[in-house]
Amino acid sequence: MYKISKEFHFSASHQLHQMPEGHPCKRLHGHNYIIVATLESPVLDKFGFVLDYHELDPIKKYIDNELDHRHLNDIFPVPPTAEYMSEFLYEKFKKDIPQLKSISVSETPKTNATYEG
């Protein structure tokens, strides 16, 4: 199995209203997010790729236009946790990128949430 990945970056704010009083994530705060799209395929295309990285431009455009420097509570239909965001982004792009295996979302250098379909 061949695997490739591409990393995308953006900055945004969010608030996790579902958290108990006093929890720091309940307060308005922001992160410098890192999104990693991982693709896999048992075969390579005629160019020797799982997929040309250029074909992932729709993910970058969505992140740049819809998520970067936004308040994520206004974007996502669910609480904007890293877990929900990874699932949302995976489902958004899977039909157009069949090789998509997973989406990972990091809020900090030490945290990561991954959704695999």
C-alpha atoms as a PDB file:
ATOM      1  CA  MET A   1       0.000   0.000   0.000  1.00  0.00           C
ATOM      2  CA  TYR A   2       1.313   3.445  -0.918  1.00  0.00           C
ATOM      3  CA  LYS A   3       0.593   6.363   1.392  1.00  0.00           C
ATOM      4  CA  ILE A   4       1.131  10.086   0.966  1.00  0.00           C
ATOM      5  CA  SER A   5       0.153  13.056   3.069  1.00  0.00           C
ATOM      6  CA  LYS A   6      -0.049  16.798   2.779  1.00  0.00           C
ATOM      7  CA  GLU A   7      -0.142  19.372   5.553  1.00  0.00           C
ATOM      8  CA  PHE A   8      -2.245  22.538   5.619  1.00  0.00           C
ATOM      9  CA  HIS A   9      -2.131  25.377   8.177  1.00  0.00           C
ATOM     10  CA  PHE A  10      -4.617  27.956   9.392  1.00  0.00           C
ATOM     11  CA  SER A  11      -5.415  30.076  12.432  1.00  0.00           C
ATOM     12  CA  ALA A  12      -8.881  30.379  13.941  1.00  0.00           C
ATOM     13  CA  SER A  13     -10.841  30.818  17.151  1.00  0.00           C
ATOM     14  CA  HIS A  14     -13.443  28.612  18.766  1.00  0.00           C
ATOM     15  CA  GLN A  15     -15.311  28.067  21.988  1.00  0.00           C
ATOM     16  CA  LEU A  16     -16.437  24.718  23.350  1.00  0.00           C
ATOM     17  CA  HIS A  17     -19.721  25.688  24.997  1.00  0.00           C
ATOM     18  CA  GLN A  18     -20.424  22.088  26.040  1.00  0.00           C
ATOM     19  CA  MET A  19     -17.544  22.061  28.526  1.00  0.00           C
ATOM     20  CA  PRO A  20     -18.156  22.576  32.268  1.00  0.00           C
ATOM     21  CA  GLU A  21     -17.847  26.008  33.866  1.00  0.00           C
ATOM     22  CA  GLY A  22     -14.240  26.887  34.553  1.00  0.00           C
ATOM     23  CA  HIS A  23     -12.825  24.662  31.817  1.00  0.00           C
ATOM     24  CA  PRO A  24     -10.339  26.692  29.718  1.00  0.00           C
ATOM     25  CA  CYS A  25     -11.786  25.409  26.430  1.00  0.00           C
ATOM     26  CA  LYS A  26     -15.173  26.916  27.308  1.00  0.00           C
ATOM     27  CA  ARG A  27     -13.615  30.372  26.988  1.00  0.00           C
ATOM     28  CA  LEU A  28     -13.087  32.011  23.610  1.00  0.00           C
ATOM     29  CA  HIS A  29      -9.610  31.041  22.434  1.00  0.00           C
ATOM     30  CA  GLY A  30      -7.666  30.275  19.272  1.00  0.00           C
ATOM     31  CA  HIS A  31      -5.203  27.854  17.761  1.00  0.00           C
ATOM     32  CA  ASN A  32      -2.745  27.604  14.910  1.00  0.00           C
ATOM     33  CA  TYR A  33      -4.237  24.479  13.360  1.00  0.00           C
ATOM     34  CA  ILE A  34      -2.467  21.880  11.274  1.00  0.00           C
ATOM     35  CA  ILE A  35      -4.552  19.644   9.021  1.00  0.00           C
ATOM     36  CA  VAL A  36      -2.974  16.537   7.513  1.00  0.00           C
ATOM     37  CA  ALA A  37      -4.698  14.737   4.663  1.00  0.00           C
ATOM     38  CA  THR A  38      -3.439  11.164   4.212  1.00  0.00           C
ATOM     39  CA  LEU A  39      -4.141   9.258   1.019  1.00  0.00           C
ATOM     40  CA  GLU A  40      -3.470   5.632   0.166  1.00  0.00           C
ATOM     41  CA  SER A  41      -3.643   3.373  -2.835  1.00  0.00           C
ATOM     42  CA  PRO A  42      -2.443  -0.144  -3.663  1.00  0.00           C
ATOM     43  CA  VAL A  43      -1.349   1.077  -7.112  1.00  0.00           C
ATOM     44  CA  LEU A  44       0.242   4.196  -8.563  1.00  0.00           C
ATOM     45  CA  ASP A  45      -1.181   6.196 -11.453  1.00  0.00           C
ATOM     46  CA  LYS A  46       0.545   6.515 -14.829  1.00  0.00           C
ATOM     47  CA  PHE A  47       2.763   9.277 -13.402  1.00  0.00           C
ATOM     48  CA  GLY A  48       3.936   7.155 -10.468  1.00  0.00           C
ATOM     49  CA  PHE A  49       1.751   8.966  -7.905  1.00  0.00           C
ATOM     50  CA  VAL A  50      -0.937   7.969  -5.443  1.00  0.00           C
ATOM     51  CA  LEU A  51      -2.318  11.363  -6.493  1.00  0.00           C
ATOM     52  CA  ASP A  52      -0.641  14.509  -7.762  1.00  0.00           C
ATOM     53  CA  TYR A  53      -0.392  16.850  -4.753  1.00  0.00           C
ATOM     54  CA  HIS A  54      -1.769  19.580  -7.016  1.00  0.00           C
ATOM     55  CA  GLU A  55      -5.091  17.691  -6.945  1.00  0.00           C
ATOM     56  CA  LEU A  56      -5.379  18.551  -3.238  1.00  0.00           C
ATOM     57  CA  ASP A  57      -5.747  22.268  -4.001  1.00  0.00           C
ATOM     58  CA  PRO A  58      -9.512  22.150  -3.220  1.00  0.00           C
ATOM     59  CA  ILE A  59      -8.659  21.316   0.392  1.00  0.00           C
ATOM     60  CA  LYS A  60      -6.254  24.259   0.590  1.00  0.00           C
ATOM     61  CA  LYS A  61      -8.775  26.611  -0.998  1.00  0.00           C
ATOM     62  CA  TYR A  62     -11.508  25.533   1.409  1.00  0.00           C
ATOM     63  CA  ILE A  63      -9.227  26.010   4.410  1.00  0.00           C
ATOM     64  CA  ASP A  64      -7.990  29.398   3.187  1.00  0.00           C
ATOM     65  CA  ASN A  65     -11.430  30.708   2.222  1.00  0.00           C
ATOM     66  CA  GLU A  66     -13.684  29.184   4.876  1.00  0.00           C
ATOM     67  CA  LEU A  67     -11.628  28.412   7.991  1.00  0.00           C
ATOM     68  CA  ASP A  68      -8.583  30.681   8.182  1.00  0.00           C
ATOM     69  CA  HIS A  69      -9.018  33.592  10.607  1.00  0.00           C
ATOM     70  CA  ARG A  70     -12.636  32.658  11.318  1.00  0.00           C
ATOM     71  CA  HIS A  71     -14.614  31.770  14.416  1.00  0.00           C
ATOM     72  CA  LEU A  72     -15.159  28.039  13.906  1.00  0.00           C
ATOM     73  CA  ASN A  73     -18.400  27.945  15.890  1.00  0.00           C
ATOM     74  CA  ASP A  74     -19.886  29.938  13.001  1.00  0.00           C
ATOM     75  CA  ILE A  75     -18.696  27.371  10.429  1.00  0.00           C
ATOM     76  CA  PHE A  76     -19.266  23.881  11.813  1.00  0.00           C
ATOM     77  CA  PRO A  77     -22.717  22.398  12.501  1.00  0.00           C
ATOM     78  CA  VAL A  78     -21.268  20.598  15.558  1.00  0.00           C
ATOM     79  CA  PRO A  79     -18.970  21.763  18.377  1.00  0.00           C
ATOM     80  CA  PRO A  80     -15.640  22.541  16.677  1.00  0.00           C
ATOM     81  CA  THR A  81     -13.520  19.962  18.471  1.00  0.00           C
ATOM     82  CA  ALA A  82     -10.547  18.530  16.599  1.00  0.00           C
ATOM     83  CA  GLU A  83     -12.382  15.198  16.446  1.00  0.00           C
ATOM     84  CA  TYR A  84     -15.517  16.623  14.845  1.00  0.00           C
ATOM     85  CA  MET A  85     -13.490  18.826  12.517  1.00  0.00           C
ATOM     86  CA  SER A  86     -11.465  15.861  11.245  1.00  0.00           C
ATOM     87  CA  GLU A  87     -14.662  13.912  10.493  1.00  0.00           C
ATOM     88  CA  PHE A  88     -16.327  16.908   8.831  1.00  0.00           C
ATOM     89  CA  LEU A  89     -13.334  17.564   6.566  1.00  0.00           C
ATOM     90  CA  TYR A  90     -12.956  13.888   5.686  1.00  0.00           C
ATOM     91  CA  GLU A  91     -16.622  13.622   4.690  1.00  0.00           C
ATOM     92  CA  LYS A  92     -16.434  16.884   2.747  1.00  0.00           C
ATOM     93  CA  PHE A  93     -13.574  15.711   0.515  1.00  0.00           C
ATOM     94  CA  LYS A  94     -13.849  11.911   0.362  1.00  0.00           C
ATOM     95  CA  LYS A  95     -16.204  11.724  -2.631  1.00  0.00           C
ATOM     96  CA  ASP A  96     -13.929  13.924  -4.759  1.00  0.00           C
ATOM     97  CA  ILE A  97     -10.697  12.319  -3.516  1.00  0.00           C
ATOM     98  CA  PRO A  98     -11.358   8.554  -3.333  1.00  0.00           C
ATOM     99  CA  GLN A  99      -7.789   7.846  -2.182  1.00  0.00           C
ATOM    100  CA  LEU A 100      -8.394   9.891   0.995  1.00  0.00           C
ATOM    101  CA  LYS A 101      -7.685   7.611   3.961  1.00  0.00           C
ATOM    102  CA  SER A 102      -7.816  10.052   6.867  1.00  0.00           C
ATOM    103  CA  ILE A 103      -7.825  13.641   8.035  1.00  0.00           C
ATOM    104  CA  SER A 104      -5.914  14.684  11.150  1.00  0.00           C
ATOM    105  CA  VAL A 105      -6.403  17.951  13.015  1.00  0.00           C
ATOM    106  CA  SER A 106      -3.823  19.340  15.447  1.00  0.00           C
ATOM    107  CA  GLU A 107      -4.579  22.300  17.676  1.00  0.00           C
ATOM    108  CA  THR A 108      -1.149  22.284  19.314  1.00  0.00           C
ATOM    109  CA  PRO A 109       2.183  20.597  18.573  1.00  0.00           C
ATOM    110  CA  LYS A 110       1.317  17.975  21.210  1.00  0.00           C
ATOM    111  CA  THR A 111      -2.283  17.118  20.250  1.00  0.00           C
ATOM    112  CA  ASN A 112      -3.813  15.358  17.285  1.00  0.00           C
ATOM    113  CA  ALA A 113      -7.203  13.908  16.342  1.00  0.00           C
ATOM    114  CA  THR A 114      -7.648  11.655  13.302  1.00  0.00           C
ATOM    115  CA  TYR A 115     -10.751  10.468  11.481  1.00  0.00           C
ATOM    116  CA  GLU A 116     -10.601   7.504   9.115  1.00  0.00           C
ATOM    117  CA  GLY A 117     -13.723   6.720   7.159  1.00  0.00           C
END
